[in-house]
Amino acid sequence: MQQKTLNFFDKVYEVAKLIPFGKVTSYGAIANYLGASRSARMVGYAMNGSHNKDVPAHRVVNRKGLLTGKHHFDGTNLMQQLLESEGIEVIDNQIQNLESIYWDPSKELI
């Protein structure tokens, strides 16, 4: 039986599903983990298309902790509300104390 080859977006979704509750990562960290360090924007495109895929896209932010993907969520502040429901503080569309809640798949996954 032949195993299906995952495309880049599928690989992004698999990594995103591993982000722990109450943690965030960046588009670039996922791209780097997948061996495509210059593809952070492609990770963003994948997150934009992740609706109905059971992917916690709200946990993926830009490298500075900004909620740059928030306009792809239904509702005015849904991305922020989802993060806050996990105990993450957001002020002016930016994660506070990013260093303490940042999850790097390259350091966490083997």
PDB file of N, CA and C in Angstrom:
ATOM      1  N   MET A   1       0.847  -1.181   0.000  1.00  0.00           N
ATOM      2  CA  MET A   1       0.000   0.000   0.000  1.00  0.00           C
ATOM      3  C   MET A   1       0.888   1.238   0.000  1.00  0.00           C
ATOM      4  N   GLN A   2       0.625   2.149  -0.920  1.00  0.00           N
ATOM      5  CA  GLN A   2       1.448   3.346  -1.064  1.00  0.00           C
ATOM      6  C   GLN A   2       0.952   4.452  -0.134  1.00  0.00           C
ATOM      7  N   GLN A   3       1.899   5.079   0.551  1.00  0.00           N
ATOM      8  CA  GLN A   3       1.541   6.152   1.468  1.00  0.00           C
ATOM      9  C   GLN A   3       1.411   7.460   0.694  1.00  0.00           C
ATOM     10  N   LYS A   4       0.399   8.237   1.011  1.00  0.00           N
ATOM     11  CA  LYS A   4       0.182   9.513   0.342  1.00  0.00           C
ATOM     12  C   LYS A   4       1.273  10.508   0.754  1.00  0.00           C
ATOM     13  N   THR A   5       1.840  11.184  -0.210  1.00  0.00           N
ATOM     14  CA  THR A   5       2.839  12.207   0.064  1.00  0.00           C
ATOM     15  C   THR A   5       2.113  13.483   0.481  1.00  0.00           C
ATOM     16  N   LEU A   6       2.530  14.045   1.581  1.00  0.00           N
ATOM     17  CA  LEU A   6       1.902  15.276   2.057  1.00  0.00           C
ATOM     18  C   LEU A   6       2.451  16.471   1.290  1.00  0.00           C
ATOM     19  N   ASN A   7       1.575  17.376   0.904  1.00  0.00           N
ATOM     20  CA  ASN A   7       2.065  18.599   0.278  1.00  0.00           C
ATOM     21  C   ASN A   7       2.505  19.573   1.383  1.00  0.00           C
ATOM     22  N   PHE A   8       3.078  20.692   0.981  1.00  0.00           N
ATOM     23  CA  PHE A   8       3.626  21.636   1.954  1.00  0.00           C
ATOM     24  C   PHE A   8       2.565  22.109   2.943  1.00  0.00           C
ATOM     25  N   PHE A   9       1.367  22.457   2.448  1.00  0.00           N
ATOM     26  CA  PHE A   9       0.315  22.934   3.339  1.00  0.00           C
ATOM     27  C   PHE A   9      -0.050  21.863   4.368  1.00  0.00           C
ATOM     28  N   ASP A  10      -0.155  20.613   3.925  1.00  0.00           N
ATOM     29  CA  ASP A  10      -0.476  19.524   4.854  1.00  0.00           C
ATOM     30  C   ASP A  10       0.593  19.397   5.935  1.00  0.00           C
ATOM     31  N   LYS A  11       1.844  19.546   5.550  1.00  0.00           N
ATOM     32  CA  LYS A  11       2.945  19.467   6.522  1.00  0.00           C
ATOM     33  C   LYS A  11       2.847  20.619   7.525  1.00  0.00           C
ATOM     34  N   VAL A  12       2.496  21.799   7.036  1.00  0.00           N
ATOM     35  CA  VAL A  12       2.310  22.955   7.917  1.00  0.00           C
ATOM     36  C   VAL A  12       1.196  22.654   8.922  1.00  0.00           C
ATOM     37  N   TYR A  13       0.094  22.097   8.443  1.00  0.00           N
ATOM     38  CA  TYR A  13      -1.031  21.793   9.326  1.00  0.00           C
ATOM     39  C   TYR A  13      -0.635  20.766  10.384  1.00  0.00           C
ATOM     40  N   GLU A  14       0.156  19.772   9.991  1.00  0.00           N
ATOM     41  CA  GLU A  14       0.588  18.751  10.950  1.00  0.00           C
ATOM     42  C   GLU A  14       1.422  19.367  12.066  1.00  0.00           C
ATOM     43  N   VAL A  15       2.302  20.301  11.727  1.00  0.00           N
ATOM     44  CA  VAL A  15       3.123  20.971  12.754  1.00  0.00           C
ATOM     45  C   VAL A  15       2.234  21.864  13.622  1.00  0.00           C
ATOM     46  N   ALA A  16       1.358  22.630  12.998  1.00  0.00           N
ATOM     47  CA  ALA A  16       0.501  23.552  13.745  1.00  0.00           C
ATOM     48  C   ALA A  16      -0.370  22.809  14.751  1.00  0.00           C
ATOM     49  N   LYS A  17      -0.809  21.616  14.404  1.00  0.00           N
ATOM     50  CA  LYS A  17      -1.644  20.833  15.314  1.00  0.00           C
ATOM     51  C   LYS A  17      -0.883  20.419  16.574  1.00  0.00           C
ATOM     52  N   LEU A  18       0.437  20.508  16.548  1.00  0.00           N
ATOM     53  CA  LEU A  18       1.258  20.114  17.699  1.00  0.00           C
ATOM     54  C   LEU A  18       1.562  21.266  18.654  1.00  0.00           C
ATOM     55  N   ILE A  19       1.189  22.485  18.275  1.00  0.00           N
ATOM     56  CA  ILE A  19       1.448  23.638  19.143  1.00  0.00           C
ATOM     57  C   ILE A  19       0.630  23.462  20.417  1.00  0.00           C
ATOM     58  N   PRO A  20       1.296  23.446  21.565  1.00  0.00           N
ATOM     59  CA  PRO A  20       0.568  23.220  22.818  1.00  0.00           C
ATOM     60  C   PRO A  20      -0.408  24.346  23.161  1.00  0.00           C
ATOM     61  N   PHE A  21      -1.460  23.993  23.868  1.00  0.00           N
ATOM     62  CA  PHE A  21      -2.419  24.955  24.409  1.00  0.00           C
ATOM     63  C   PHE A  21      -1.646  26.003  25.208  1.00  0.00           C
ATOM     64  N   GLY A  22      -1.950  27.280  25.005  1.00  0.00           N
ATOM     65  CA  GLY A  22      -1.302  28.350  25.754  1.00  0.00           C
ATOM     66  C   GLY A  22       0.064  28.744  25.222  1.00  0.00           C
ATOM     67  N   LYS A  23       0.437  28.227  24.052  1.00  0.00           N
ATOM     68  CA  LYS A  23       1.721  28.566  23.428  1.00  0.00           C
ATOM     69  C   LYS A  23       1.458  29.115  22.031  1.00  0.00           C
ATOM     70  N   VAL A  24       2.427  29.831  21.480  1.00  0.00           N
ATOM     71  CA  VAL A  24       2.353  30.310  20.104  1.00  0.00           C
ATOM     72  C   VAL A  24       3.682  30.037  19.412  1.00  0.00           C
ATOM     73  N   THR A  25       3.642  30.035  18.103  1.00  0.00           N
ATOM     74  CA  THR A  25       4.859  29.947  17.314  1.00  0.00           C
ATOM     75  C   THR A  25       4.730  30.924  16.159  1.00  0.00           C
ATOM     76  N   SER A  26       5.764  30.994  15.338  1.00  0.00           N
ATOM     77  CA  SER A  26       5.740  31.935  14.218  1.00  0.00           C
ATOM     78  C   SER A  26       5.699  31.198  12.883  1.00  0.00           C
ATOM     79  N   TYR A  27       5.300  31.929  11.872  1.00  0.00           N
ATOM     80  CA  TYR A  27       5.283  31.380  10.521  1.00  0.00           C
ATOM     81  C   TYR A  27       6.685  30.903  10.154  1.00  0.00           C
ATOM     82  N   GLY A  28       7.679  31.720  10.480  1.00  0.00           N
ATOM     83  CA  GLY A  28       9.058  31.389  10.150  1.00  0.00           C
ATOM     84  C   GLY A  28       9.568  30.159  10.874  1.00  0.00           C
ATOM     85  N   ALA A  29       9.152  29.977  12.125  1.00  0.00           N
ATOM     86  CA  ALA A  29       9.601  28.802  12.891  1.00  0.00           C
ATOM     87  C   ALA A  29       9.065  27.519  12.260  1.00  0.00           C
ATOM     88  N   ILE A  30       7.827  27.548  11.787  1.00  0.00           N
ATOM     89  CA  ILE A  30       7.261  26.372  11.130  1.00  0.00           C
ATOM     90  C   ILE A  30       7.992  26.118   9.811  1.00  0.00           C
ATOM     91  N   ALA A  31       8.209  27.182   9.039  1.00  0.00           N
ATOM     92  CA  ALA A  31       8.920  27.043   7.765  1.00  0.00           C
ATOM     93  C   ALA A  31      10.318  26.473   7.990  1.00  0.00           C
ATOM     94  N   ASN A  32      11.019  26.992   8.982  1.00  0.00           N
ATOM     95  CA  ASN A  32      12.372  26.523   9.296  1.00  0.00           C
ATOM     96  C   ASN A  32      12.356  25.047   9.671  1.00  0.00           C
ATOM     97  N   TYR A  33      11.408  24.656  10.502  1.00  0.00           N
ATOM     98  CA  TYR A  33      11.296  23.266  10.926  1.00  0.00           C
ATOM     99  C   TYR A  33      11.078  22.345   9.726  1.00  0.00           C
ATOM    100  N   LEU A  34      10.330  22.812   8.744  1.00  0.00           N
ATOM    101  CA  LEU A  34      10.039  22.008   7.563  1.00  0.00           C
ATOM    102  C   LEU A  34      11.159  22.058   6.519  1.00  0.00           C
ATOM    103  N   GLY A  35      12.261  22.737   6.858  1.00  0.00           N
ATOM    104  CA  GLY A  35      13.393  22.801   5.943  1.00  0.00           C
ATOM    105  C   GLY A  35      13.201  23.792   4.810  1.00  0.00           C
ATOM    106  N   ALA A  36      12.305  24.732   5.006  1.00  0.00           N
ATOM    107  CA  ALA A  36      12.004  25.744   3.991  1.00  0.00           C
ATOM    108  C   ALA A  36      12.089  27.118   4.637  1.00  0.00           C
ATOM    109  N   SER A  37      13.265  27.442   5.162  1.00  0.00           N
ATOM    110  CA  SER A  37      13.430  28.621   6.014  1.00  0.00           C
ATOM    111  C   SER A  37      13.002  29.936   5.367  1.00  0.00           C
ATOM    112  N   ARG A  38      12.951  30.004   4.046  1.00  0.00           N
ATOM    113  CA  ARG A  38      12.544  31.240   3.399  1.00  0.00           C
ATOM    114  C   ARG A  38      11.074  31.226   2.979  1.00  0.00           C
ATOM    115  N   SER A  39      10.309  30.331   3.577  1.00  0.00           N
ATOM    116  CA  SER A  39       8.915  30.158   3.165  1.00  0.00           C
ATOM    117  C   SER A  39       7.898  30.550   4.229  1.00  0.00           C
ATOM    118  N   ALA A  40       8.247  31.494   5.081  1.00  0.00           N
ATOM    119  CA  ALA A  40       7.315  31.929   6.125  1.00  0.00           C
ATOM    120  C   ALA A  40       6.000  32.419   5.512  1.00  0.00           C
ATOM    121  N   ARG A  41       6.092  33.114   4.399  1.00  0.00           N
ATOM    122  CA  ARG A  41       4.879  33.628   3.754  1.00  0.00           C
ATOM    123  C   ARG A  41       3.987  32.475   3.290  1.00  0.00           C
ATOM    124  N   MET A  42       4.589  31.402   2.802  1.00  0.00           N
ATOM    125  CA  MET A  42       3.808  30.233   2.376  1.00  0.00           C
ATOM    126  C   MET A  42       3.101  29.594   3.574  1.00  0.00           C
ATOM    127  N   VAL A  43       3.754  29.600   4.723  1.00  0.00           N
ATOM    128  CA  VAL A  43       3.113  29.097   5.943  1.00  0.00           C
ATOM    129  C   VAL A  43       1.896  29.967   6.254  1.00  0.00           C
ATOM    130  N   GLY A  44       2.043  31.263   6.074  1.00  0.00           N
ATOM    131  CA  GLY A  44       0.914  32.166   6.266  1.00  0.00           C
ATOM    132  C   GLY A  44      -0.239  31.850   5.334  1.00  0.00           C
ATOM    133  N   TYR A  45       0.080  31.580   4.073  1.00  0.00           N
ATOM    134  CA  TYR A  45      -0.968  31.205   3.116  1.00  0.00           C
ATOM    135  C   TYR A  45      -1.652  29.916   3.564  1.00  0.00           C
ATOM    136  N   ALA A  46      -0.866  28.976   4.073  1.00  0.00           N
ATOM    137  CA  ALA A  46      -1.441  27.718   4.566  1.00  0.00           C
ATOM    138  C   ALA A  46      -2.399  27.993   5.728  1.00  0.00           C
ATOM    139  N   MET A  47      -1.978  28.858   6.659  1.00  0.00           N
ATOM    140  CA  MET A  47      -2.841  29.187   7.799  1.00  0.00           C
ATOM    141  C   MET A  47      -4.129  29.847   7.323  1.00  0.00           C
ATOM    142  N   ASN A  48      -4.035  30.698   6.303  1.00  0.00           N
ATOM    143  CA  ASN A  48      -5.235  31.362   5.771  1.00  0.00           C
ATOM    144  C   ASN A  48      -6.231  30.346   5.236  1.00  0.00           C
ATOM    145  N   GLY A  49      -5.728  29.229   4.736  1.00  0.00           N
ATOM    146  CA  GLY A  49      -6.600  28.209   4.172  1.00  0.00           C
ATOM    147  C   GLY A  49      -6.902  27.059   5.102  1.00  0.00           C
ATOM    148  N   SER A  50      -6.638  27.244   6.386  1.00  0.00           N
ATOM    149  CA  SER A  50      -6.770  26.132   7.338  1.00  0.00           C
ATOM    150  C   SER A  50      -8.160  25.991   7.955  1.00  0.00           C
ATOM    151  N   HIS A  51      -9.080  26.840   7.578  1.00  0.00           N
ATOM    152  CA  HIS A  51     -10.436  26.764   8.139  1.00  0.00           C
ATOM    153  C   HIS A  51     -11.035  25.383   7.888  1.00  0.00           C
ATOM    154  N   ASN A  52     -11.745  24.892   8.849  1.00  0.00           N
ATOM    155  CA  ASN A  52     -12.407  23.577   8.781  1.00  0.00           C
ATOM    156  C   ASN A  52     -11.424  22.410   8.701  1.00  0.00           C
ATOM    157  N   LYS A  53     -10.197  22.609   9.142  1.00  0.00           N
ATOM    158  CA  LYS A  53      -9.204  21.541   9.124  1.00  0.00           C
ATOM    159  C   LYS A  53      -8.737  21.184  10.544  1.00  0.00           C
ATOM    160  N   ASP A  54      -9.397  21.700  11.554  1.00  0.00           N
ATOM    161  CA  ASP A  54      -9.033  21.436  12.946  1.00  0.00           C
ATOM    162  C   ASP A  54      -7.583  21.817  13.229  1.00  0.00           C
ATOM    163  N   VAL A  55      -7.180  22.972  12.713  1.00  0.00           N
ATOM    164  CA  VAL A  55      -5.826  23.494  12.896  1.00  0.00           C
ATOM    165  C   VAL A  55      -5.917  24.732  13.794  1.00  0.00           C
ATOM    166  N   PRO A  56      -5.131  24.789  14.876  1.00  0.00           N
ATOM    167  CA  PRO A  56      -5.174  25.967  15.754  1.00  0.00           C
ATOM    168  C   PRO A  56      -4.378  27.132  15.162  1.00  0.00           C
ATOM    169  N   ALA A  57      -4.861  27.661  14.051  1.00  0.00           N
ATOM    170  CA  ALA A  57      -4.153  28.728  13.334  1.00  0.00           C
ATOM    171  C   ALA A  57      -3.971  29.979  14.183  1.00  0.00           C
ATOM    172  N   HIS A  58      -4.814  30.156  15.195  1.00  0.00           N
ATOM    173  CA  HIS A  58      -4.689  31.335  16.057  1.00  0.00           C
ATOM    174  C   HIS A  58      -3.381  31.323  16.843  1.00  0.00           C
ATOM    175  N   ARG A  59      -2.732  30.176  16.948  1.00  0.00           N
ATOM    176  CA  ARG A  59      -1.482  30.064  17.691  1.00  0.00           C
ATOM    177  C   ARG A  59      -0.250  30.369  16.843  1.00  0.00           C
ATOM    178  N   VAL A  60      -0.464  30.790  15.609  1.00  0.00           N
ATOM    179  CA  VAL A  60       0.654  31.126  14.723  1.00  0.00           C
ATOM    180  C   VAL A  60       0.617  32.629  14.457  1.00  0.00           C
ATOM    181  N   VAL A  61       1.701  33.298  14.840  1.00  0.00           N
ATOM    182  CA  VAL A  61       1.806  34.755  14.735  1.00  0.00           C
ATOM    183  C   VAL A  61       3.098  35.106  13.999  1.00  0.00           C
ATOM    184  N   ASN A  62       3.326  36.385  13.765  1.00  0.00           N
ATOM    185  CA  ASN A  62       4.582  36.728  13.109  1.00  0.00           C
ATOM    186  C   ASN A  62       5.724  36.723  14.135  1.00  0.00           C
ATOM    187  N   ARG A  63       6.933  36.896  13.682  1.00  0.00           N
ATOM    188  CA  ARG A  63       8.109  36.735  14.560  1.00  0.00           C
ATOM    189  C   ARG A  63       8.160  37.737  15.713  1.00  0.00           C
ATOM    190  N   LYS A  64       7.411  38.821  15.588  1.00  0.00           N
ATOM    191  CA  LYS A  64       7.370  39.814  16.653  1.00  0.00           C
ATOM    192  C   LYS A  64       6.167  39.626  17.571  1.00  0.00           C
ATOM    193  N   GLY A  65       5.364  38.597  17.289  1.00  0.00           N
ATOM    194  CA  GLY A  65       4.191  38.335  18.111  1.00  0.00           C
ATOM    195  C   GLY A  65       2.951  39.084  17.683  1.00  0.00           C
ATOM    196  N   LEU A  66       2.977  39.664  16.498  1.00  0.00           N
ATOM    197  CA  LEU A  66       1.815  40.395  16.007  1.00  0.00           C
ATOM    198  C   LEU A  66       0.784  39.448  15.404  1.00  0.00           C
ATOM    199  N   LEU A  67      -0.480  39.756  15.607  1.00  0.00           N
ATOM    200  CA  LEU A  67      -1.574  38.946  15.083  1.00  0.00           C
ATOM    201  C   LEU A  67      -1.850  39.332  13.625  1.00  0.00           C
ATOM    202  N   THR A  68      -0.878  39.080  12.763  1.00  0.00           N
ATOM    203  CA  THR A  68      -0.986  39.514  11.370  1.00  0.00           C
ATOM    204  C   THR A  68      -2.037  38.745  10.585  1.00  0.00           C
ATOM    205  N   GLY A  69      -2.445  37.578  11.053  1.00  0.00           N
ATOM    206  CA  GLY A  69      -3.453  36.797  10.343  1.00  0.00           C
ATOM    207  C   GLY A  69      -4.858  37.002  10.848  1.00  0.00           C
ATOM    208  N   LYS A  70      -5.054  37.963  11.738  1.00  0.00           N
ATOM    209  CA  LYS A  70      -6.351  38.107  12.412  1.00  0.00           C
ATOM    210  C   LYS A  70      -7.504  38.384  11.466  1.00  0.00           C
ATOM    211  N   HIS A  71      -7.258  39.019  10.335  1.00  0.00           N
ATOM    212  CA  HIS A  71      -8.357  39.337   9.421  1.00  0.00           C
ATOM    213  C   HIS A  71      -8.866  38.109   8.662  1.00  0.00           C
ATOM    214  N   HIS A  72      -8.201  36.968   8.824  1.00  0.00           N
ATOM    215  CA  HIS A  72      -8.662  35.736   8.192  1.00  0.00           C
ATOM    216  C   HIS A  72      -9.589  34.925   9.106  1.00  0.00           C
ATOM    217  N   PHE A  73      -9.840  35.444  10.290  1.00  0.00           N
ATOM    218  CA  PHE A  73     -10.737  34.778  11.233  1.00  0.00           C
ATOM    219  C   PHE A  73     -12.101  35.444  11.178  1.00  0.00           C
ATOM    220  N   ASP A  74     -13.154  34.646  11.343  1.00  0.00           N
ATOM    221  CA  ASP A  74     -14.501  35.211  11.412  1.00  0.00           C
ATOM    222  C   ASP A  74     -14.601  36.075  12.663  1.00  0.00           C
ATOM    223  N   GLY A  75     -15.352  37.123  12.581  1.00  0.00           N
ATOM    224  CA  GLY A  75     -15.525  37.987  13.748  1.00  0.00           C
ATOM    225  C   GLY A  75     -14.423  39.019  13.825  1.00  0.00           C
ATOM    226  N   THR A  76     -14.668  40.047  14.575  1.00  0.00           N
ATOM    227  CA  THR A  76     -13.741  41.168  14.647  1.00  0.00           C
ATOM    228  C   THR A  76     -12.445  40.819  15.369  1.00  0.00           C
ATOM    229  N   ASN A  77     -12.546  40.155  16.507  1.00  0.00           N
ATOM    230  CA  ASN A  77     -11.364  39.868  17.320  1.00  0.00           C
ATOM    231  C   ASN A  77     -11.253  38.393  17.672  1.00  0.00           C
ATOM    232  N   LEU A  78     -11.704  37.509  16.810  1.00  0.00           N
ATOM    233  CA  LEU A  78     -11.740  36.089  17.151  1.00  0.00           C
ATOM    234  C   LEU A  78     -10.349  35.527  17.457  1.00  0.00           C
ATOM    235  N   MET A  79      -9.345  35.889  16.669  1.00  0.00           N
ATOM    236  CA  MET A  79      -8.001  35.364  16.923  1.00  0.00           C
ATOM    237  C   MET A  79      -7.534  35.765  18.324  1.00  0.00           C
ATOM    238  N   GLN A  80      -7.716  37.029  18.664  1.00  0.00           N
ATOM    239  CA  GLN A  80      -7.327  37.511  19.991  1.00  0.00           C
ATOM    240  C   GLN A  80      -8.136  36.813  21.077  1.00  0.00           C
ATOM    241  N   GLN A  81      -9.431  36.641  20.864  1.00  0.00           N
ATOM    242  CA  GLN A  81     -10.283  35.995  21.863  1.00  0.00           C
ATOM    243  C   GLN A  81      -9.854  34.548  22.096  1.00  0.00           C
ATOM    244  N   LEU A  82      -9.506  33.842  21.021  1.00  0.00           N
ATOM    245  CA  LEU A  82      -9.055  32.455  21.168  1.00  0.00           C
ATOM    246  C   LEU A  82      -7.752  32.395  21.958  1.00  0.00           C
ATOM    247  N   LEU A  83      -6.832  33.302  21.673  1.00  0.00           N
ATOM    248  CA  LEU A  83      -5.562  33.335  22.410  1.00  0.00           C
ATOM    249  C   LEU A  83      -5.799  33.671  23.882  1.00  0.00           C
ATOM    250  N   GLU A  84      -6.642  34.655  24.126  1.00  0.00           N
ATOM    251  CA  GLU A  84      -6.920  35.046  25.510  1.00  0.00           C
ATOM    252  C   GLU A  84      -7.617  33.935  26.273  1.00  0.00           C
ATOM    253  N   SER A  85      -8.412  33.128  25.587  1.00  0.00           N
ATOM    254  CA  SER A  85      -9.077  32.008  26.263  1.00  0.00           C
ATOM    255  C   SER A  85      -8.064  30.943  26.700  1.00  0.00           C
ATOM    256  N   GLU A  86      -6.861  31.023  26.147  1.00  0.00           N
ATOM    257  CA  GLU A  86      -5.784  30.104  26.528  1.00  0.00           C
ATOM    258  C   GLU A  86      -4.821  30.761  27.519  1.00  0.00           C
ATOM    259  N   GLY A  87      -5.183  31.949  28.001  1.00  0.00           N
ATOM    260  CA  GLY A  87      -4.360  32.631  28.996  1.00  0.00           C
ATOM    261  C   GLY A  87      -3.259  33.490  28.411  1.00  0.00           C
ATOM    262  N   ILE A  88      -3.304  33.748  27.108  1.00  0.00           N
ATOM    263  CA  ILE A  88      -2.282  34.553  26.443  1.00  0.00           C
ATOM    264  C   ILE A  88      -2.745  36.005  26.427  1.00  0.00           C
ATOM    265  N   GLU A  89      -1.884  36.896  26.890  1.00  0.00           N
ATOM    266  CA  GLU A  89      -2.220  38.314  26.934  1.00  0.00           C
ATOM    267  C   GLU A  89      -1.888  38.973  25.601  1.00  0.00           C
ATOM    268  N   VAL A  90      -2.872  39.710  25.061  1.00  0.00           N
ATOM    269  CA  VAL A  90      -2.701  40.411  23.794  1.00  0.00           C
ATOM    270  C   VAL A  90      -3.070  41.872  24.011  1.00  0.00           C
ATOM    271  N   ILE A  91      -2.165  42.763  23.650  1.00  0.00           N
ATOM    272  CA  ILE A  91      -2.428  44.202  23.735  1.00  0.00           C
ATOM    273  C   ILE A  91      -2.066  44.811  22.389  1.00  0.00           C
ATOM    274  N   ASP A  92      -2.990  45.585  21.820  1.00  0.00           N
ATOM    275  CA  ASP A  92      -2.780  46.222  20.511  1.00  0.00           C
ATOM    276  C   ASP A  92      -2.325  45.222  19.457  1.00  0.00           C
ATOM    277  N   ASN A  93      -3.013  44.093  19.397  1.00  0.00           N
ATOM    278  CA  ASN A  93      -2.730  43.048  18.408  1.00  0.00           C
ATOM    279  C   ASN A  93      -1.348  42.419  18.535  1.00  0.00           C
ATOM    280  N   GLN A  94      -0.752  42.512  19.707  1.00  0.00           N
ATOM    281  CA  GLN A  94       0.574  41.921  19.912  1.00  0.00           C
ATOM    282  C   GLN A  94       0.591  41.071  21.179  1.00  0.00           C
ATOM    283  N   ILE A  95       1.180  39.879  21.033  1.00  0.00           N
ATOM    284  CA  ILE A  95       1.349  38.962  22.164  1.00  0.00           C
ATOM    285  C   ILE A  95       2.291  39.611  23.179  1.00  0.00           C
ATOM    286  N   GLN A  96       1.919  39.552  24.430  1.00  0.00           N
ATOM    287  CA  GLN A  96       2.778  40.057  25.500  1.00  0.00           C
ATOM    288  C   GLN A  96       3.602  38.887  26.057  1.00  0.00           C
ATOM    289  N   ASN A  97       4.802  39.171  26.496  1.00  0.00           N
ATOM    290  CA  ASN A  97       5.694  38.142  27.052  1.00  0.00           C
ATOM    291  C   ASN A  97       5.890  36.981  26.071  1.00  0.00           C
ATOM    292  N   LEU A  98       6.139  37.335  24.822  1.00  0.00           N
ATOM    293  CA  LEU A  98       6.261  36.336  23.763  1.00  0.00           C
ATOM    294  C   LEU A  98       7.303  35.270  24.096  1.00  0.00           C
ATOM    295  N   GLU A  99       8.431  35.676  24.651  1.00  0.00           N
ATOM    296  CA  GLU A  99       9.521  34.732  24.938  1.00  0.00           C
ATOM    297  C   GLU A  99       9.070  33.604  25.864  1.00  0.00           C
ATOM    298  N   SER A 100       8.195  33.911  26.796  1.00  0.00           N
ATOM    299  CA  SER A 100       7.793  32.909  27.788  1.00  0.00           C
ATOM    300  C   SER A 100       6.750  31.912  27.264  1.00  0.00           C
ATOM    301  N   ILE A 101       6.082  32.240  26.167  1.00  0.00           N
ATOM    302  CA  ILE A 101       5.053  31.329  25.638  1.00  0.00           C
ATOM    303  C   ILE A 101       5.378  30.859  24.226  1.00  0.00           C
ATOM    304  N   TYR A 102       6.573  31.191  23.748  1.00  0.00           N
ATOM    305  CA  TYR A 102       6.960  30.843  22.382  1.00  0.00           C
ATOM    306  C   TYR A 102       7.356  29.385  22.292  1.00  0.00           C
ATOM    307  N   TRP A 103       6.806  28.693  21.315  1.00  0.00           N
ATOM    308  CA  TRP A 103       7.078  27.274  21.071  1.00  0.00           C
ATOM    309  C   TRP A 103       7.795  27.149  19.742  1.00  0.00           C
ATOM    310  N   ASP A 104       9.015  26.626  19.773  1.00  0.00           N
ATOM    311  CA  ASP A 104       9.811  26.460  18.550  1.00  0.00           C
ATOM    312  C   ASP A 104       9.830  24.983  18.181  1.00  0.00           C
ATOM    313  N   PRO A 105       9.185  24.612  17.079  1.00  0.00           N
ATOM    314  CA  PRO A 105       9.127  23.193  16.730  1.00  0.00           C
ATOM    315  C   PRO A 105      10.514  22.573  16.496  1.00  0.00           C
ATOM    316  N   SER A 106      11.472  23.363  16.061  1.00  0.00           N
ATOM    317  CA  SER A 106      12.822  22.828  15.821  1.00  0.00           C
ATOM    318  C   SER A 106      13.496  22.414  17.114  1.00  0.00           C
ATOM    319  N   LYS A 107      13.077  23.016  18.232  1.00  0.00           N
ATOM    320  CA  LYS A 107      13.670  22.673  19.534  1.00  0.00           C
ATOM    321  C   LYS A 107      12.815  21.679  20.302  1.00  0.00           C
ATOM    322  N   GLU A 108      11.526  21.606  19.961  1.00  0.00           N
ATOM    323  CA  GLU A 108      10.594  20.780  20.711  1.00  0.00           C
ATOM    324  C   GLU A 108      10.318  19.421  20.066  1.00  0.00           C
ATOM    325  N   LEU A 109      10.411  19.361  18.741  1.00  0.00           N
ATOM    326  CA  LEU A 109      10.082  18.121  18.024  1.00  0.00           C
ATOM    327  C   LEU A 109      11.361  17.440  17.550  1.00  0.00           C
ATOM    328  N   ILE A 110      11.365  16.156  17.611  1.00  0.00           N
ATOM    329  CA  ILE A 110      12.554  15.399  17.175  1.00  0.00           C
ATOM    330  C   ILE A 110      12.302  14.834  15.798  1.00  0.00           C
TER     331      ILE A 110
END
